[in-house]
Structures are given as structure tokens and as C-alpha cells.
Protein backbone atom coordinates (compact mmCIF):
# COMPACT_ATOMS: atom_id res chain seq x y z
CA MET A 1 -260.16 -12.54 4.82
CA ALA A 2 -260.05 -13.18 1.63
CA GLY A 3 -258.31 -16.62 2.13
CA HIS A 4 -260.82 -17.87 4.61
CA GLU A 5 -263.74 -16.78 2.20
CA ALA A 6 -262.05 -18.87 -0.51
CA LEU A 7 -261.47 -22.13 1.61
CA LEU A 8 -265.87 -21.94 2.37
CA GLY A 9 -266.41 -22.07 -1.13
CA GLN A 10 -264.36 -24.78 -1.89
CA ALA A 11 -265.62 -27.11 1.15
CA GLN A 12 -267.29 -30.46 -0.29
CA PRO A 13 -269.83 -31.83 1.75
CA ARG A 14 -269.29 -35.47 0.89
CA VAL A 15 -265.75 -35.17 0.88
CA ASN A 16 -265.69 -33.40 4.18
CA ASP A 17 -268.42 -35.20 6.08
CA GLU A 18 -265.80 -37.91 7.19
CA LEU A 19 -263.09 -35.11 8.53
CA GLU A 20 -266.17 -33.84 10.63
CA GLN A 21 -267.66 -37.50 12.16
CA VAL A 22 -264.01 -38.13 13.39
CA GLU A 23 -263.36 -35.14 15.16
CA ALA A 24 -267.18 -35.59 16.89
CA GLU A 25 -266.33 -39.08 17.71
CA GLY A 26 -263.14 -37.94 18.96
CA TYR A 27 -264.51 -34.91 21.16
CA ALA A 28 -267.45 -37.53 22.18
CA VAL A 29 -265.13 -39.59 24.28
CA PHE A 30 -262.99 -36.66 25.92
CA CYS A 31 -266.82 -35.09 27.02
CA ALA A 32 -267.63 -38.98 28.45
CA LEU A 33 -264.01 -39.02 30.38
CA LEU A 34 -265.17 -36.04 32.54
CA GLY A 35 -268.57 -37.50 33.25
CA GLY A 36 -270.56 -36.14 30.50
CA GLU A 37 -272.71 -37.86 28.24
CA PRO A 38 -272.33 -37.25 24.95
CA THR A 39 -275.84 -37.13 23.29
CA ARG A 40 -277.11 -38.14 19.74
CA VAL A 41 -279.49 -36.49 18.28
CA ARG A 42 -280.80 -36.07 14.38
CA GLY A 43 -278.51 -34.52 12.41
CA GLY A 44 -275.69 -34.49 14.97
CA VAL A 45 -274.22 -35.39 18.35
CA CYS A 46 -274.20 -33.60 21.51
CA LEU A 47 -271.08 -32.97 23.84
CA ASN A 48 -272.76 -32.02 27.00
CA ALA A 49 -269.42 -32.24 29.99
CA PRO A 50 -270.12 -30.96 33.61
CA ALA A 51 -266.18 -28.95 33.02
CA PRO A 52 -267.19 -25.27 31.63
CA ILE A 53 -264.86 -26.50 28.69
CA PRO A 54 -266.23 -24.69 25.60
CA GLU A 55 -265.16 -27.30 22.79
CA LEU A 56 -267.44 -30.35 25.16
CA ASN A 57 -270.27 -28.34 25.23
CA ARG A 58 -271.60 -28.00 21.89
CA ALA A 59 -273.20 -29.77 18.96
CA ALA A 60 -270.68 -31.09 15.97
CA GLY A 61 -270.84 -33.37 13.49
CA VAL A 62 -273.63 -31.26 12.41
CA HIS A 63 -275.93 -32.10 9.45
CA GLU A 64 -278.74 -29.90 7.34
CA ASP A 65 -281.41 -31.95 9.37
CA LEU A 66 -280.18 -31.43 12.60
CA ASP A 67 -282.77 -30.91 15.45
CA LEU A 68 -282.67 -27.87 17.06
CA ASP A 69 -285.35 -28.36 19.58
CA ALA A 70 -283.30 -31.62 20.43
CA VAL A 71 -280.75 -29.84 21.11
CA ALA A 72 -282.01 -27.26 22.98
CA ALA A 73 -283.67 -29.94 25.26
CA VAL A 74 -279.91 -31.51 25.79
CA TYR A 75 -278.69 -28.26 27.00
CA ASP A 76 -281.69 -26.80 28.83
CA GLY A 77 -280.61 -23.31 28.63
CA ARG A 78 -276.89 -23.60 29.80
CA PRO A 79 -274.38 -22.19 27.65
CA HIS A 80 -273.19 -24.47 24.49
CA ALA A 81 -272.46 -23.47 20.85
CA ILE A 82 -272.91 -25.24 17.41
CA SER A 83 -270.04 -26.02 14.92
CA VAL A 84 -272.00 -25.22 11.76
CA PRO A 85 -269.50 -26.82 9.06
CA PRO A 86 -269.70 -24.37 6.02
CA TRP A 87 -271.86 -26.51 3.69
CA VAL A 88 -274.85 -26.91 6.10
CA THR A 89 -275.78 -23.55 4.79
CA ALA A 90 -279.89 -23.90 5.80
CA LEU A 91 -279.54 -24.12 9.45
CA ASP A 92 -278.06 -20.10 9.58
CA SER A 93 -281.51 -18.32 9.31
CA GLN A 94 -282.60 -21.05 12.26
CA LEU A 95 -279.57 -20.26 14.46
CA GLU A 96 -280.66 -16.70 14.14
CA GLN A 97 -283.92 -16.91 14.75
CA ARG A 98 -283.03 -18.99 17.90
CA GLY A 99 -280.98 -15.84 18.75
CA TYR A 100 -277.88 -17.73 18.11
CA VAL A 101 -274.69 -15.20 17.39
CA ARG A 102 -271.48 -16.19 15.81
CA GLY A 103 -268.75 -16.78 17.44
CA TYR A 104 -264.48 -17.70 17.11
CA ALA A 105 -264.53 -20.07 14.12
CA TRP A 106 -262.27 -23.39 13.88
CA MET A 107 -259.81 -23.34 10.63
CA LYS A 108 -260.34 -27.13 9.91
CA PHE A 109 -256.64 -28.66 8.35
CA GLU A 110 -256.17 -31.86 6.51
CA ARG A 111 -253.45 -33.77 5.01
CA SER A 112 -252.58 -36.60 3.29
CA ALA A 113 -250.35 -39.56 3.97
CA GLN A 114 -247.34 -38.00 3.13
CA PRO A 115 -243.99 -37.90 5.48
CA ALA A 116 -243.65 -35.79 8.28
CA PRO A 117 -241.48 -32.89 7.51
CA ALA A 118 -237.53 -32.76 9.08
CA PHE A 119 -237.64 -31.20 12.38
CA GLU A 120 -234.99 -30.75 15.18
CA THR A 121 -235.82 -31.11 18.96
CA THR A 122 -233.86 -31.36 22.01
CA LEU A 123 -237.04 -33.68 23.72
CA ARG A 124 -237.40 -37.17 23.40
CA ILE A 125 -240.47 -38.60 21.79
CA GLU A 126 -242.07 -41.87 23.07
CA GLU A 127 -245.26 -43.78 22.83
CA ALA A 128 -247.41 -43.00 26.13
CA THR A 129 -247.39 -45.84 29.27
CA ASP A 130 -249.01 -44.04 32.41
CA ALA A 131 -252.37 -42.87 31.89
CA GLU A 132 -252.12 -41.08 35.15
CA LEU A 133 -248.86 -38.97 34.23
CA PHE A 134 -250.41 -38.74 30.37
CA GLY A 135 -253.53 -36.73 31.39
CA GLN A 136 -251.53 -34.57 34.37
CA THR A 137 -248.70 -33.22 31.92
CA ALA A 138 -252.23 -32.56 29.40
CA ALA A 139 -253.96 -30.69 31.61
CA GLU A 140 -250.86 -28.62 33.01
CA GLY A 141 -250.19 -27.95 29.32
CA PHE A 142 -253.79 -26.49 29.04
CA GLY A 143 -253.38 -24.55 31.44
CA ALA A 144 -256.61 -27.27 33.26
CA PRO A 145 -256.79 -28.24 37.12
CA PRO A 146 -255.19 -31.37 38.06
CA ALA A 147 -258.84 -32.68 38.52
CA ILE A 148 -259.22 -32.45 34.52
CA GLY A 149 -256.67 -34.87 33.84
CA PRO A 150 -258.77 -38.10 33.93
CA GLY A 151 -260.55 -35.92 30.90
CA PHE A 152 -257.15 -36.55 29.11
CA ASP A 153 -256.53 -39.82 29.53
CA VAL A 154 -257.48 -42.01 25.95
CA LEU A 155 -254.42 -44.44 26.60
CA GLY A 156 -255.65 -48.20 25.62
CA ARG A 157 -258.80 -46.59 24.47
CA PRO A 158 -259.92 -48.22 20.88
CA GLY A 159 -258.65 -46.69 18.17
CA TRP A 160 -256.30 -43.96 20.51
CA HIS A 161 -252.72 -43.69 20.10
CA CYS A 162 -250.82 -41.24 22.81
CA PHE A 163 -247.51 -39.69 22.99
CA MET A 164 -245.24 -37.95 25.34
CA ALA A 165 -242.35 -35.66 24.78
CA TRP A 166 -239.49 -36.02 27.42
CA ASP A 167 -236.78 -33.97 28.71
CA GLY A 168 -234.84 -36.33 30.45
CA ASP A 169 -237.08 -37.86 33.26
CA GLU A 170 -239.67 -34.69 33.21
CA PRO A 171 -242.67 -35.18 31.02
CA ALA A 172 -242.97 -31.96 28.52
CA GLY A 173 -246.14 -32.24 26.77
CA ALA A 174 -248.47 -34.75 25.37
CA SER A 175 -250.45 -35.77 22.63
CA SER A 176 -252.93 -37.83 21.41
CA LEU A 177 -254.12 -39.53 17.63
CA PHE A 178 -257.53 -41.30 17.34
CA VAL A 179 -258.01 -43.09 14.02
CA LEU A 180 -261.08 -44.07 12.41
CA GLY A 181 -260.80 -46.44 9.76
CA ASP A 182 -258.67 -44.99 7.41
CA VAL A 183 -259.09 -40.96 8.47
CA ALA A 184 -257.47 -40.08 11.67
CA TRP A 185 -258.03 -36.95 14.41
CA PHE A 186 -255.36 -35.60 15.85
CA GLY A 187 -256.57 -34.62 19.13
CA GLY A 188 -255.45 -33.04 22.24
CA ALA A 189 -252.05 -31.98 22.64
CA ALA A 190 -250.20 -29.73 24.65
CA THR A 191 -246.75 -28.52 26.30
CA ARG A 192 -246.15 -28.40 29.16
CA PRO A 193 -245.08 -24.44 30.24
CA GLY A 194 -241.67 -24.65 31.20
CA PHE A 195 -241.06 -26.87 28.56
CA ARG A 196 -242.76 -24.07 25.67
CA GLY A 197 -240.30 -23.29 22.26
CA ARG A 198 -238.46 -26.46 22.32
CA GLY A 199 -240.06 -27.99 18.97
CA ALA A 200 -242.41 -30.11 21.51
CA GLN A 201 -245.42 -29.77 19.34
CA THR A 202 -243.61 -30.20 15.84
CA ALA A 203 -242.23 -33.34 17.38
CA LEU A 204 -245.58 -34.99 18.72
CA LEU A 205 -247.42 -34.04 15.41
CA ALA A 206 -244.83 -35.91 13.35
CA ALA A 207 -245.25 -39.09 15.80
CA ARG A 208 -248.27 -39.47 14.98
CA ILE A 209 -248.41 -38.64 11.42
CA GLU A 210 -246.25 -41.64 10.89
CA ARG A 211 -248.19 -43.55 13.23
CA ALA A 212 -251.13 -42.70 11.35
CA ARG A 213 -249.36 -43.80 7.85
CA GLU A 214 -247.73 -47.18 9.55
CA LEU A 215 -251.33 -47.65 10.38
CA GLY A 216 -252.77 -47.40 6.53
CA VAL A 217 -254.62 -43.81 7.17
CA ARG A 218 -256.00 -41.84 4.03
CA ARG A 219 -256.39 -38.33 5.29
CA MET A 220 -255.69 -36.56 8.54
CA ALA A 221 -257.60 -33.61 9.99
CA VAL A 222 -257.27 -31.28 12.78
CA GLU A 223 -259.05 -27.78 13.76
CA THR A 224 -257.69 -24.89 15.50
CA GLY A 225 -258.86 -21.42 15.97
CA GLU A 226 -259.08 -19.06 12.96
CA ARG A 227 -256.04 -16.65 12.40
CA VAL A 228 -257.62 -13.46 13.42
CA ALA A 229 -255.33 -9.91 15.43
CA GLY A 230 -254.50 -10.13 18.28
CA ARG A 231 -254.61 -14.13 19.22
CA SER A 232 -251.62 -16.03 18.97
CA ASP A 233 -251.08 -18.59 15.99
CA GLN A 234 -248.94 -20.15 16.88
CA SER A 235 -250.64 -23.71 16.79
CA TYR A 236 -251.74 -23.11 13.31
CA ARG A 237 -248.59 -22.02 12.15
CA ASN A 238 -247.64 -25.35 13.36
CA LEU A 239 -249.67 -27.38 11.75
CA LEU A 240 -248.88 -25.77 8.41
CA ARG A 241 -245.33 -26.56 9.08
CA ALA A 242 -246.16 -30.03 9.60
CA GLY A 243 -247.78 -30.43 6.00
CA PHE A 244 -251.21 -29.73 6.85
CA ARG A 245 -253.12 -27.72 4.52
CA GLU A 246 -255.98 -25.19 5.27
CA ALA A 247 -259.39 -27.13 4.01
CA TYR A 248 -262.47 -24.96 5.41
CA LEU A 249 -262.91 -22.40 8.03
CA ARG A 250 -266.10 -23.34 10.31
CA PRO A 251 -268.29 -20.93 12.34
CA ASN A 252 -268.99 -22.14 16.11
CA TRP A 253 -272.63 -20.50 16.76
CA ARG A 254 -273.16 -19.25 20.25
CA ALA A 255 -276.40 -19.92 22.30
CA PRO A 256 -278.23 -16.99 23.55
CA GLU A 257 -277.41 -16.25 26.98
């Protein structure tokens, strides 16, 4: 896609490393909640969760000096990926030599601290207060089994802010925000199947944007899968409507099977 190629060329390492760092630190918390052991190696962090969740079994926050031998030791032959930002080009040939292949890429988005656009919804947005309910709602929204619920329970943890969408007394959706310094990462957000199409994601995005602004955040970051034929791009469109812009496309290199 021509637009994506242009974005790749515009990525600025020193500016965008902080977007990679806040994401890696946020995912490391989710990984640990599921009983995993995020392992820091030279040039990145290996997310290593026992659950077969691709997002939580990959190397993130990757730099040019990523120790691929250390990555291999952490995963010990188990399925994983390495998320390589577009300015880290020296790893491509090394990954190919080791049998990695390019998988489904993610688009990184960012926005400034401008107010959230106006929106309409019949749902009510409130800050989360019940950790168990928050985790269960997020798990159901992602289509995960109830046992995965604790993996989304970041309520009350340092730097985290959690919100829920409600339809009367029924929880409709859940979302989280992670703030590191003056950069914010929009973590997991999901809507329960019976409440989709009613603006929950737009409203939850707006709540997190406004909280980030209150906290003095300078940059806000989030990512979702790239646009490809045959895949839903609802999350992609929601982010654009919320004032996020496409920052860069990031390949995910899949380990050899």
C-alpha cells in the first residue's frame, strides 16, 4: 500500500522510540498478570505468557542490538514473534537467516493532546471500580475464556486508568490507559458482543483521551492491525475518528514453526 510505504520512510527513531517503549511496558504488565515472565534482553523485552496469545508472546521495544540468541533462549522453540519498528533495518537479514517470516503487521497510531471529538452514544462511561468485573468484561469482549479475565485486571496498578461502558446496570465494554511520563498508551479495549455497534469504543477512547490530557500527557499511542482485504478495520476507523493519525507500519516477524 503506497500510503503505508510513505509512512515507513517517515518514521523517526528518536521520536518514536518512546511510543515503542510505552507499549512494551504496558504489555509486560498484561503478560505478568497471566503468570508470564517478561524477560529483558539486550535490545528489547521478551513477553512470555503461558496463554497462547500472540500479543503476549513476542519481543517488543526492539532496537538494532536485539540479542537474537537471548530471544531464542527465552522462547526455547515455542511460537513467538518479534515486532520490529521500521527504522530497525539491520535485523531483517538476520531474522531471515534464522527462518523468521514476516507476519501480519500492525499500524502504530499517535495523537497530540487535543480534545476528543464529539460523539453520541446511549451508553454511560464511568471509571472502573470493580477489578474482577473489569477483567471479566474485557475477556468476554475479546472472546477469551473467563479464566483469562485476571490478565486484563490492571485496575489500581501504577500508571493505569480503567474505564467501563454501561447500559443501565449491564457492563458493555472495558478499556485501559497506561501513562509513562508524558506519553500514554491505550491498552486493551473490548466490547461485549451484545453491545457492539452502539459507540462504546468511541466513547471509551474519548474518556481515555480526556484523562490523558488531565494528566499532562504530550503524546498518545495505540496500535491495531494494518488494513488488508478481508479483515475488519472497525478499530482502525474508530482510531482515525478519534483524532489519531497513522504513524508507521510495524512488521511482526514470526518464528519458524
